[in-house]
């Protein structure tokens, strides 16, 4: 048994989850190391990360999972324990879910209903934010509470990621110019005359972060980076990389109708954060996507 597995087993034992590990199986975990541990009490799912901010990452994920499960029971895996590794990294253990990515019409409808239910769970203090830092990929997200969504989105999302992109690309003057217009003018312009409540959102809900629990045949979400924010923010990334079908949106909007004007433009505004984050992390063509969105948004206030 490896040192990492021994450390995880000790945490499992200390939390009364199991007594011994029977087998370890590697799994796909995106940018992280992920595996299934078969124990004397059943299977668990483990993710490890050697990065310097891995403890922050998994603390935010655990808090997010617990919030989602409280809002919609069974809609996310249960975090079991987490800890620090000798290499300076960290790990998180959750319940093991057998997943399918087959999304039938009935599953899409149920997904829309459950996400709408989650988006009806409002923040405990009436503010926008979250109790801890979360991470979108490897980007830390400051979730300090704010009284209004416009301030939160500009101060805690758009401006930090714009500054990170410019630190990596100081000569990108067009990004700088358009970014300032979006933050100073566009956000306020397209948020007028709509109701925005601080509801629980997953925060990184692209197609790779939801699936179907094969044991319940119900949709489930995972790898969250939650906050209490505008429900429409969730829909931005949801349509970027493998969008759900029309059945999902018909069901979802029964519970949270589209708000006009500028619904589509707000979707682009919310996608902008993720394109900027991808530009910061990966560079390349994501800059062009971000610039195109900003140009269209800036045309609204020119």
C-alpha atoms as a PDB file:
ATOM      1  CA  UNK A   1       0.000   0.000   0.000  1.00  0.00           C
ATOM      2  CA  UNK A   2       1.375   3.419  -0.977  1.00  0.00           C
ATOM      3  CA  UNK A   3       2.024   6.153   1.577  1.00  0.00           C
ATOM      4  CA  UNK A   4      -0.821   8.241   0.174  1.00  0.00           C
ATOM      5  CA  UNK A   5      -3.266   5.344   0.460  1.00  0.00           C
ATOM      6  CA  UNK A   6      -2.126   4.699   4.023  1.00  0.00           C
ATOM      7  CA  UNK A   7      -2.759   8.329   4.973  1.00  0.00           C
ATOM      8  CA  UNK A   8      -6.210   8.244   3.379  1.00  0.00           C
ATOM      9  CA  UNK A   9      -7.036   4.949   5.099  1.00  0.00           C
ATOM     10  CA  UNK A  10      -6.024   6.420   8.463  1.00  0.00           C
ATOM     11  CA  UNK A  11      -8.424   9.340   7.868  1.00  0.00           C
ATOM     12  CA  UNK A  12     -11.181   6.949   6.854  1.00  0.00           C
ATOM     13  CA  UNK A  13     -10.602   4.908  10.005  1.00  0.00           C
ATOM     14  CA  UNK A  14     -10.540   7.990  12.224  1.00  0.00           C
ATOM     15  CA  UNK A  15     -13.871   9.073  10.759  1.00  0.00           C
ATOM     16  CA  UNK A  16     -15.408   5.625  11.288  1.00  0.00           C
ATOM     17  CA  UNK A  17     -15.922   5.051   7.569  1.00  0.00           C
ATOM     18  CA  UNK A  18     -14.050   1.758   7.165  1.00  0.00           C
ATOM     19  CA  UNK A  19     -11.394  -0.444   8.732  1.00  0.00           C
ATOM     20  CA  UNK A  20      -9.348  -1.523   5.718  1.00  0.00           C
ATOM     21  CA  UNK A  21      -8.780  -1.009   1.999  1.00  0.00           C
ATOM     22  CA  UNK A  22      -9.236  -4.051  -0.226  1.00  0.00           C
ATOM     23  CA  UNK A  23      -8.403  -2.617  -3.645  1.00  0.00           C
ATOM     24  CA  UNK A  24      -7.486   0.585  -5.478  1.00  0.00           C
ATOM     25  CA  UNK A  25      -8.583   1.383  -9.058  1.00  0.00           C
ATOM     26  CA  UNK A  26      -7.460   4.392 -11.088  1.00  0.00           C
ATOM     27  CA  UNK A  27     -10.194   6.608 -12.545  1.00  0.00           C
ATOM     28  CA  UNK A  28     -10.380   9.619 -14.799  1.00  0.00           C
ATOM     29  CA  UNK A  29     -10.321  12.799 -12.718  1.00  0.00           C
ATOM     30  CA  UNK A  30      -9.642  15.561 -15.215  1.00  0.00           C
ATOM     31  CA  UNK A  31      -6.581  17.516 -14.086  1.00  0.00           C
ATOM     32  CA  UNK A  32      -6.412  15.653 -10.761  1.00  0.00           C
ATOM     33  CA  UNK A  33      -5.456  12.135  -9.704  1.00  0.00           C
ATOM     34  CA  UNK A  34      -8.623  10.195  -8.993  1.00  0.00           C
ATOM     35  CA  UNK A  35      -9.246   6.619  -7.912  1.00  0.00           C
ATOM     36  CA  UNK A  36     -11.772   4.289  -6.356  1.00  0.00           C
ATOM     37  CA  UNK A  37     -10.977   2.587  -3.079  1.00  0.00           C
ATOM     38  CA  UNK A  38     -12.804  -0.651  -2.359  1.00  0.00           C
ATOM     39  CA  UNK A  39     -13.075  -0.988   1.405  1.00  0.00           C
ATOM     40  CA  UNK A  40     -14.607  -3.435   3.844  1.00  0.00           C
ATOM     41  CA  UNK A  41     -17.708  -1.205   4.011  1.00  0.00           C
ATOM     42  CA  UNK A  42     -18.018  -0.376   0.301  1.00  0.00           C
ATOM     43  CA  UNK A  43     -16.478   1.845  -2.351  1.00  0.00           C
ATOM     44  CA  UNK A  44     -15.348   5.452  -1.955  1.00  0.00           C
ATOM     45  CA  UNK A  45     -14.105   8.011  -4.467  1.00  0.00           C
ATOM     46  CA  UNK A  46     -10.805   9.816  -3.865  1.00  0.00           C
ATOM     47  CA  UNK A  47      -9.204  12.836  -5.518  1.00  0.00           C
ATOM     48  CA  UNK A  48      -5.698  14.059  -4.769  1.00  0.00           C
ATOM     49  CA  UNK A  49      -3.902  17.200  -5.843  1.00  0.00           C
ATOM     50  CA  UNK A  50      -0.262  18.120  -5.270  1.00  0.00           C
ATOM     51  CA  UNK A  51      -0.781  21.845  -5.902  1.00  0.00           C
ATOM     52  CA  UNK A  52      -0.012  24.418  -3.184  1.00  0.00           C
ATOM     53  CA  UNK A  53      -3.665  25.508  -2.974  1.00  0.00           C
ATOM     54  CA  UNK A  54      -5.120  21.988  -2.953  1.00  0.00           C
ATOM     55  CA  UNK A  55      -6.324  22.248   0.647  1.00  0.00           C
ATOM     56  CA  UNK A  56      -8.304  25.362  -0.300  1.00  0.00           C
ATOM     57  CA  UNK A  57      -9.652  23.581  -3.369  1.00  0.00           C
ATOM     58  CA  UNK A  58     -11.003  20.608  -1.463  1.00  0.00           C
ATOM     59  CA  UNK A  59     -12.327  22.636   1.451  1.00  0.00           C
ATOM     60  CA  UNK A  60     -14.336  24.690  -1.023  1.00  0.00           C
ATOM     61  CA  UNK A  61     -15.521  21.575  -2.816  1.00  0.00           C
ATOM     62  CA  UNK A  62     -16.641  19.900   0.412  1.00  0.00           C
ATOM     63  CA  UNK A  63     -18.556  22.999   1.537  1.00  0.00           C
ATOM     64  CA  UNK A  64     -20.147  23.238  -1.903  1.00  0.00           C
ATOM     65  CA  UNK A  65     -21.184  19.573  -1.949  1.00  0.00           C
ATOM     66  CA  UNK A  66     -22.730  19.842   1.503  1.00  0.00           C
ATOM     67  CA  UNK A  67     -24.675  22.969   0.523  1.00  0.00           C
ATOM     68  CA  UNK A  68     -26.004  21.285  -2.628  1.00  0.00           C
ATOM     69  CA  UNK A  69     -27.001  18.143  -0.737  1.00  0.00           C
ATOM     70  CA  UNK A  70     -28.806  20.217   1.876  1.00  0.00           C
ATOM     71  CA  UNK A  71     -30.699  22.116  -0.827  1.00  0.00           C
ATOM     72  CA  UNK A  72     -31.529  19.046  -2.951  1.00  0.00           C
ATOM     73  CA  UNK A  73     -30.923  15.701  -1.191  1.00  0.00           C
ATOM     74  CA  UNK A  74     -29.092  13.201  -3.368  1.00  0.00           C
ATOM     75  CA  UNK A  75     -28.146  15.774  -6.026  1.00  0.00           C
ATOM     76  CA  UNK A  76     -24.400  15.560  -5.239  1.00  0.00           C
ATOM     77  CA  UNK A  77     -21.947  13.065  -3.726  1.00  0.00           C
ATOM     78  CA  UNK A  78     -21.438  13.209   0.028  1.00  0.00           C
ATOM     79  CA  UNK A  79     -18.007  14.420   1.197  1.00  0.00           C
ATOM     80  CA  UNK A  80     -16.645  11.961   3.757  1.00  0.00           C
ATOM     81  CA  UNK A  81     -13.278  13.375   4.793  1.00  0.00           C
ATOM     82  CA  UNK A  82     -10.274  15.311   3.533  1.00  0.00           C
ATOM     83  CA  UNK A  83      -6.717  15.945   4.606  1.00  0.00           C
ATOM     84  CA  UNK A  84      -3.161  16.998   3.848  1.00  0.00           C
ATOM     85  CA  UNK A  85      -0.540  14.885   2.055  1.00  0.00           C
ATOM     86  CA  UNK A  86       3.218  14.758   2.769  1.00  0.00           C
ATOM     87  CA  UNK A  87       4.040  16.371  -0.586  1.00  0.00           C
ATOM     88  CA  UNK A  88       2.144  19.503   0.429  1.00  0.00           C
ATOM     89  CA  UNK A  89      -0.936  18.481  -1.509  1.00  0.00           C
ATOM     90  CA  UNK A  90      -4.304  17.340  -0.238  1.00  0.00           C
ATOM     91  CA  UNK A  91      -7.080  14.821  -0.821  1.00  0.00           C
ATOM     92  CA  UNK A  92     -10.837  14.567  -0.588  1.00  0.00           C
ATOM     93  CA  UNK A  93     -12.951  11.429  -0.184  1.00  0.00           C
ATOM     94  CA  UNK A  94     -16.603  11.286  -1.227  1.00  0.00           C
ATOM     95  CA  UNK A  95     -19.203   8.621  -1.719  1.00  0.00           C
ATOM     96  CA  UNK A  96     -18.611   6.613  -4.888  1.00  0.00           C
ATOM     97  CA  UNK A  97     -21.258   7.096  -7.592  1.00  0.00           C
ATOM     98  CA  UNK A  98     -21.590   4.849 -10.622  1.00  0.00           C
ATOM     99  CA  UNK A  99     -22.085   7.338 -13.429  1.00  0.00           C
ATOM    100  CA  UNK A 100     -23.553   7.389 -16.905  1.00  0.00           C
ATOM    101  CA  UNK A 101     -23.393  10.260 -19.366  1.00  0.00           C
ATOM    102  CA  UNK A 102     -26.455   9.062 -21.293  1.00  0.00           C
ATOM    103  CA  UNK A 103     -28.933  11.946 -21.018  1.00  0.00           C
ATOM    104  CA  UNK A 104     -32.396  10.859 -22.156  1.00  0.00           C
ATOM    105  CA  UNK A 105     -35.264  13.329 -22.471  1.00  0.00           C
ATOM    106  CA  UNK A 106     -36.684  12.226 -19.116  1.00  0.00           C
ATOM    107  CA  UNK A 107     -33.292  12.725 -17.459  1.00  0.00           C
ATOM    108  CA  UNK A 108     -32.979  16.186 -18.982  1.00  0.00           C
ATOM    109  CA  UNK A 109     -36.386  17.134 -17.608  1.00  0.00           C
ATOM    110  CA  UNK A 110     -35.486  15.846 -14.146  1.00  0.00           C
ATOM    111  CA  UNK A 111     -32.141  17.655 -14.311  1.00  0.00           C
ATOM    112  CA  UNK A 112     -33.950  20.897 -15.106  1.00  0.00           C
ATOM    113  CA  UNK A 113     -36.336  20.350 -12.198  1.00  0.00           C
ATOM    114  CA  UNK A 114     -33.585  19.555  -9.689  1.00  0.00           C
ATOM    115  CA  UNK A 115     -31.368  22.439 -10.776  1.00  0.00           C
ATOM    116  CA  UNK A 116     -34.358  24.768 -10.500  1.00  0.00           C
ATOM    117  CA  UNK A 117     -34.947  23.452  -6.974  1.00  0.00           C
ATOM    118  CA  UNK A 118     -31.310  24.129  -6.090  1.00  0.00           C
ATOM    119  CA  UNK A 119     -31.652  27.626  -7.513  1.00  0.00           C
ATOM    120  CA  UNK A 120     -34.534  28.228  -5.106  1.00  0.00           C
ATOM    121  CA  UNK A 121     -32.275  27.747  -2.079  1.00  0.00           C
ATOM    122  CA  UNK A 122     -31.357  31.246  -0.903  1.00  0.00           C
ATOM    123  CA  UNK A 123     -28.296  32.346   1.052  1.00  0.00           C
ATOM    124  CA  UNK A 124     -28.519  32.132   4.847  1.00  0.00           C
ATOM    125  CA  UNK A 125     -27.733  35.823   5.330  1.00  0.00           C
ATOM    126  CA  UNK A 126     -29.452  37.321   2.296  1.00  0.00           C
ATOM    127  CA  UNK A 127     -26.117  38.274   0.714  1.00  0.00           C
ATOM    128  CA  UNK A 128     -24.131  37.172  -2.326  1.00  0.00           C
ATOM    129  CA  UNK A 129     -21.026  35.059  -1.695  1.00  0.00           C
ATOM    130  CA  UNK A 130     -20.018  31.892   0.131  1.00  0.00           C
ATOM    131  CA  UNK A 131     -18.444  31.033   3.492  1.00  0.00           C
ATOM    132  CA  UNK A 132     -15.126  29.886   1.991  1.00  0.00           C
ATOM    133  CA  UNK A 133     -12.890  30.392  -1.030  1.00  0.00           C
ATOM    134  CA  UNK A 134     -13.729  28.079  -3.928  1.00  0.00           C
ATOM    135  CA  UNK A 135     -11.785  27.227  -7.062  1.00  0.00           C
ATOM    136  CA  UNK A 136     -12.834  27.131 -10.702  1.00  0.00           C
ATOM    137  CA  UNK A 137     -10.202  24.830 -12.141  1.00  0.00           C
ATOM    138  CA  UNK A 138      -7.081  26.042 -10.349  1.00  0.00           C
ATOM    139  CA  UNK A 139      -8.291  29.645 -10.123  1.00  0.00           C
ATOM    140  CA  UNK A 140      -9.080  30.769  -6.594  1.00  0.00           C
ATOM    141  CA  UNK A 141     -12.385  32.606  -6.246  1.00  0.00           C
ATOM    142  CA  UNK A 142     -12.870  35.153  -3.481  1.00  0.00           C
ATOM    143  CA  UNK A 143     -16.433  34.741  -2.198  1.00  0.00           C
ATOM    144  CA  UNK A 144     -16.477  37.564   0.353  1.00  0.00           C
ATOM    145  CA  UNK A 145     -20.104  38.451   1.009  1.00  0.00           C
ATOM    146  CA  UNK A 146     -21.584  41.433  -0.838  1.00  0.00           C
ATOM    147  CA  UNK A 147     -24.989  43.054  -0.448  1.00  0.00           C
ATOM    148  CA  UNK A 148     -25.742  43.089  -4.180  1.00  0.00           C
ATOM    149  CA  UNK A 149     -24.951  40.871  -7.138  1.00  0.00           C
ATOM    150  CA  UNK A 150     -23.560  43.607  -9.392  1.00  0.00           C
ATOM    151  CA  UNK A 151     -20.859  44.398  -6.858  1.00  0.00           C
ATOM    152  CA  UNK A 152     -20.100  40.722  -6.290  1.00  0.00           C
ATOM    153  CA  UNK A 153     -19.848  39.857  -9.973  1.00  0.00           C
ATOM    154  CA  UNK A 154     -17.673  42.855 -10.812  1.00  0.00           C
ATOM    155  CA  UNK A 155     -15.481  42.795  -7.698  1.00  0.00           C
ATOM    156  CA  UNK A 156     -15.250  39.045  -6.967  1.00  0.00           C
ATOM    157  CA  UNK A 157     -15.373  37.557 -10.458  1.00  0.00           C
ATOM    158  CA  UNK A 158     -14.801  39.782 -13.486  1.00  0.00           C
ATOM    159  CA  UNK A 159     -12.130  42.169 -12.258  1.00  0.00           C
ATOM    160  CA  UNK A 160      -9.924  39.510 -10.580  1.00  0.00           C
ATOM    161  CA  UNK A 161      -9.902  37.262 -13.631  1.00  0.00           C
ATOM    162  CA  UNK A 162      -9.322  40.213 -15.978  1.00  0.00           C
ATOM    163  CA  UNK A 163      -6.339  41.249 -13.878  1.00  0.00           C
ATOM    164  CA  UNK A 164      -4.953  37.700 -13.915  1.00  0.00           C
ATOM    165  CA  UNK A 165      -5.215  37.618 -17.712  1.00  0.00           C
ATOM    166  CA  UNK A 166      -3.443  40.974 -17.988  1.00  0.00           C
ATOM    167  CA  UNK A 167      -0.682  39.862 -15.615  1.00  0.00           C
ATOM    168  CA  UNK A 168       0.012  37.010 -18.040  1.00  0.00           C
ATOM    169  CA  UNK A 169      -0.477  39.211 -21.103  1.00  0.00           C
ATOM    170  CA  UNK A 170       0.437  42.818 -20.156  1.00  0.00           C
ATOM    171  CA  UNK A 171       0.476  43.931 -23.774  1.00  0.00           C
ATOM    172  CA  UNK A 172      -3.134  42.928 -24.450  1.00  0.00           C
ATOM    173  CA  UNK A 173      -4.434  46.500 -24.571  1.00  0.00           C
ATOM    174  CA  UNK A 174      -7.677  45.594 -26.340  1.00  0.00           C
ATOM    175  CA  UNK A 175      -8.588  43.184 -23.558  1.00  0.00           C
ATOM    176  CA  UNK A 176      -7.812  45.868 -21.010  1.00  0.00           C
ATOM    177  CA  UNK A 177      -9.860  48.540 -22.800  1.00  0.00           C
ATOM    178  CA  UNK A 178     -12.924  46.389 -23.437  1.00  0.00           C
ATOM    179  CA  UNK A 179     -12.763  44.808 -20.003  1.00  0.00           C
ATOM    180  CA  UNK A 180     -12.971  48.180 -18.289  1.00  0.00           C
ATOM    181  CA  UNK A 181     -16.008  49.173 -20.363  1.00  0.00           C
ATOM    182  CA  UNK A 182     -17.767  45.898 -19.518  1.00  0.00           C
ATOM    183  CA  UNK A 183     -17.117  46.313 -15.802  1.00  0.00           C
ATOM    184  CA  UNK A 184     -17.822  50.054 -15.602  1.00  0.00           C
ATOM    185  CA  UNK A 185     -20.822  50.274 -17.933  1.00  0.00           C
ATOM    186  CA  UNK A 186     -22.169  47.032 -19.380  1.00  0.00           C
ATOM    187  CA  UNK A 187     -22.857  45.101 -16.185  1.00  0.00           C
ATOM    188  CA  UNK A 188     -25.094  47.826 -14.746  1.00  0.00           C
ATOM    189  CA  UNK A 189     -26.783  48.403 -18.099  1.00  0.00           C
ATOM    190  CA  UNK A 190     -27.970  44.844 -18.698  1.00  0.00           C
ATOM    191  CA  UNK A 191     -28.918  44.095 -15.071  1.00  0.00           C
ATOM    192  CA  UNK A 192     -31.559  46.819 -14.895  1.00  0.00           C
ATOM    193  CA  UNK A 193     -35.210  45.996 -14.180  1.00  0.00           C
ATOM    194  CA  UNK A 194     -34.705  42.340 -13.245  1.00  0.00           C
ATOM    195  CA  UNK A 195     -34.980  40.504  -9.936  1.00  0.00           C
ATOM    196  CA  UNK A 196     -31.766  38.907  -8.691  1.00  0.00           C
ATOM    197  CA  UNK A 197     -31.854  36.719  -5.599  1.00  0.00           C
ATOM    198  CA  UNK A 198     -28.786  35.147  -3.918  1.00  0.00           C
ATOM    199  CA  UNK A 199     -29.457  31.478  -4.667  1.00  0.00           C
ATOM    200  CA  UNK A 200     -27.162  28.472  -4.468  1.00  0.00           C
ATOM    201  CA  UNK A 201     -25.289  27.779  -7.695  1.00  0.00           C
ATOM    202  CA  UNK A 202     -22.873  24.993  -8.603  1.00  0.00           C
ATOM    203  CA  UNK A 203     -20.435  27.447 -10.176  1.00  0.00           C
ATOM    204  CA  UNK A 204     -18.720  25.224 -12.761  1.00  0.00           C
ATOM    205  CA  UNK A 205     -21.593  23.273 -14.261  1.00  0.00           C
ATOM    206  CA  UNK A 206     -20.371  22.330 -17.731  1.00  0.00           C
ATOM    207  CA  UNK A 207     -21.366  18.996 -19.289  1.00  0.00           C
ATOM    208  CA  UNK A 208     -18.426  17.187 -17.672  1.00  0.00           C
ATOM    209  CA  UNK A 209     -19.635  18.027 -14.171  1.00  0.00           C
ATOM    210  CA  UNK A 210     -23.021  16.364 -14.219  1.00  0.00           C
ATOM    211  CA  UNK A 211     -24.200  12.892 -15.071  1.00  0.00           C
ATOM    212  CA  UNK A 212     -26.661  10.160 -14.132  1.00  0.00           C
ATOM    213  CA  UNK A 213     -26.426   8.079 -10.970  1.00  0.00           C
ATOM    214  CA  UNK A 214     -26.856   4.545 -12.294  1.00  0.00           C
ATOM    215  CA  UNK A 215     -28.137   3.295  -8.954  1.00  0.00           C
ATOM    216  CA  UNK A 216     -30.989   5.823  -8.752  1.00  0.00           C
ATOM    217  CA  UNK A 217     -31.339   6.755 -12.445  1.00  0.00           C
ATOM    218  CA  UNK A 218     -31.384  10.393 -11.431  1.00  0.00           C
ATOM    219  CA  UNK A 219     -29.106  13.294 -12.425  1.00  0.00           C
ATOM    220  CA  UNK A 220     -26.271  14.234 -10.114  1.00  0.00           C
ATOM    221  CA  UNK A 221     -23.741  17.082 -10.082  1.00  0.00           C
ATOM    222  CA  UNK A 222     -20.143  17.072  -8.851  1.00  0.00           C
ATOM    223  CA  UNK A 223     -16.898  19.092  -8.767  1.00  0.00           C
ATOM    224  CA  UNK A 224     -18.714  22.272  -7.662  1.00  0.00           C
ATOM    225  CA  UNK A 225     -17.275  25.692  -6.844  1.00  0.00           C
ATOM    226  CA  UNK A 226     -20.406  27.139  -5.353  1.00  0.00           C
ATOM    227  CA  UNK A 227     -21.585  30.541  -4.251  1.00  0.00           C
ATOM    228  CA  UNK A 228     -24.900  32.233  -3.663  1.00  0.00           C
ATOM    229  CA  UNK A 229     -25.487  34.263  -6.770  1.00  0.00           C
ATOM    230  CA  UNK A 230     -27.714  35.000  -9.757  1.00  0.00           C
ATOM    231  CA  UNK A 231     -29.299  31.809 -11.076  1.00  0.00           C
ATOM    232  CA  UNK A 232     -28.638  32.908 -14.670  1.00  0.00           C
ATOM    233  CA  UNK A 233     -24.908  32.785 -13.958  1.00  0.00           C
ATOM    234  CA  UNK A 234     -25.183  28.992 -13.856  1.00  0.00           C
ATOM    235  CA  UNK A 235     -26.710  28.804 -17.316  1.00  0.00           C
ATOM    236  CA  UNK A 236     -23.759  30.589 -18.915  1.00  0.00           C
ATOM    237  CA  UNK A 237     -21.213  27.797 -18.603  1.00  0.00           C
ATOM    238  CA  UNK A 238     -23.938  25.171 -18.874  1.00  0.00           C
ATOM    239  CA  UNK A 239     -24.326  26.071 -22.548  1.00  0.00           C
ATOM    240  CA  UNK A 240     -20.618  26.545 -23.349  1.00  0.00           C
ATOM    241  CA  UNK A 241     -19.250  23.010 -23.522  1.00  0.00           C
ATOM    242  CA  UNK A 242     -22.004  20.546 -24.366  1.00  0.00           C
ATOM    243  CA  UNK A 243     -25.348  22.174 -23.621  1.00  0.00           C
ATOM    244  CA  UNK A 244     -28.364  20.292 -22.264  1.00  0.00           C
ATOM    245  CA  UNK A 245     -31.265  19.894 -24.675  1.00  0.00           C
ATOM    246  CA  UNK A 246     -34.495  21.812 -25.095  1.00  0.00           C
ATOM    247  CA  UNK A 247     -36.297  19.508 -22.644  1.00  0.00           C
ATOM    248  CA  UNK A 248     -34.029  20.744 -19.861  1.00  0.00           C
ATOM    249  CA  UNK A 249     -34.630  24.416 -20.593  1.00  0.00           C
ATOM    250  CA  UNK A 250     -38.401  24.048 -20.939  1.00  0.00           C
ATOM    251  CA  UNK A 251     -38.569  22.424 -17.507  1.00  0.00           C
ATOM    252  CA  UNK A 252     -36.064  24.768 -15.866  1.00  0.00           C
ATOM    253  CA  UNK A 253     -37.793  27.920 -17.096  1.00  0.00           C
ATOM    254  CA  UNK A 254     -41.137  26.726 -15.753  1.00  0.00           C
ATOM    255  CA  UNK A 255     -39.633  27.408 -12.323  1.00  0.00           C
ATOM    256  CA  UNK A 256     -37.291  30.277 -13.188  1.00  0.00           C
ATOM    257  CA  UNK A 257     -38.661  32.122 -16.235  1.00  0.00           C
ATOM    258  CA  UNK A 258     -36.318  34.035 -18.483  1.00  0.00           C
ATOM    259  CA  UNK A 259     -36.096  37.680 -17.472  1.00  0.00           C
ATOM    260  CA  UNK A 260     -36.023  40.323 -20.146  1.00  0.00           C
ATOM    261  CA  UNK A 261     -34.574  42.538 -21.383  1.00  0.00           C
ATOM    262  CA  UNK A 262     -31.042  41.342 -22.133  1.00  0.00           C
ATOM    263  CA  UNK A 263     -31.345  37.680 -21.076  1.00  0.00           C
ATOM    264  CA  UNK A 264     -29.137  36.514 -23.972  1.00  0.00           C
ATOM    265  CA  UNK A 265     -26.628  39.298 -23.375  1.00  0.00           C
ATOM    266  CA  UNK A 266     -26.361  38.339 -19.704  1.00  0.00           C
ATOM    267  CA  UNK A 267     -25.649  34.794 -20.781  1.00  0.00           C
ATOM    268  CA  UNK A 268     -22.697  36.103 -22.775  1.00  0.00           C
ATOM    269  CA  UNK A 269     -21.607  38.230 -19.833  1.00  0.00           C
ATOM    270  CA  UNK A 270     -21.567  35.148 -17.600  1.00  0.00           C
ATOM    271  CA  UNK A 271     -19.779  33.079 -20.218  1.00  0.00           C
ATOM    272  CA  UNK A 272     -17.171  35.828 -20.402  1.00  0.00           C
ATOM    273  CA  UNK A 273     -15.891  34.970 -16.930  1.00  0.00           C
ATOM    274  CA  UNK A 274     -15.233  31.379 -17.978  1.00  0.00           C
ATOM    275  CA  UNK A 275     -13.624  32.349 -21.296  1.00  0.00           C
ATOM    276  CA  UNK A 276     -11.333  34.717 -19.413  1.00  0.00           C
ATOM    277  CA  UNK A 277     -10.525  31.980 -16.912  1.00  0.00           C
ATOM    278  CA  UNK A 278      -9.655  29.624 -19.760  1.00  0.00           C
ATOM    279  CA  UNK A 279      -7.526  32.346 -21.366  1.00  0.00           C
ATOM    280  CA  UNK A 280      -5.706  32.801 -18.063  1.00  0.00           C
ATOM    281  CA  UNK A 281      -5.164  29.056 -17.622  1.00  0.00           C
ATOM    282  CA  UNK A 282      -4.619  27.900 -21.212  1.00  0.00           C
ATOM    283  CA  UNK A 283      -4.113  30.958 -23.441  1.00  0.00           C
ATOM    284  CA  UNK A 284      -4.671  30.547 -27.156  1.00  0.00           C
ATOM    285  CA  UNK A 285      -8.036  30.921 -28.835  1.00  0.00           C
ATOM    286  CA  UNK A 286      -9.919  31.699 -25.639  1.00  0.00           C
ATOM    287  CA  UNK A 287      -8.687  35.284 -25.909  1.00  0.00           C
ATOM    288  CA  UNK A 288     -10.459  35.691 -29.242  1.00  0.00           C
ATOM    289  CA  UNK A 289     -13.691  34.305 -27.781  1.00  0.00           C
ATOM    290  CA  UNK A 290     -13.472  36.707 -24.839  1.00  0.00           C
ATOM    291  CA  UNK A 291     -12.749  39.699 -27.083  1.00  0.00           C
ATOM    292  CA  UNK A 292     -15.693  38.847 -29.367  1.00  0.00           C
ATOM    293  CA  UNK A 293     -18.085  38.693 -26.427  1.00  0.00           C
ATOM    294  CA  UNK A 294     -16.790  41.960 -24.997  1.00  0.00           C
ATOM    295  CA  UNK A 295     -17.102  43.739 -28.330  1.00  0.00           C
ATOM    296  CA  UNK A 296     -20.757  42.695 -28.649  1.00  0.00           C
ATOM    297  CA  UNK A 297     -21.493  43.712 -25.063  1.00  0.00           C
ATOM    298  CA  UNK A 298     -19.730  47.055 -25.402  1.00  0.00           C
ATOM    299  CA  UNK A 299     -21.837  47.843 -28.474  1.00  0.00           C
ATOM    300  CA  UNK A 300     -24.829  47.994 -26.112  1.00  0.00           C
ATOM    301  CA  UNK A 301     -23.455  51.066 -24.347  1.00  0.00           C
ATOM    302  CA  UNK A 302     -21.629  52.868 -27.149  1.00  0.00           C
END
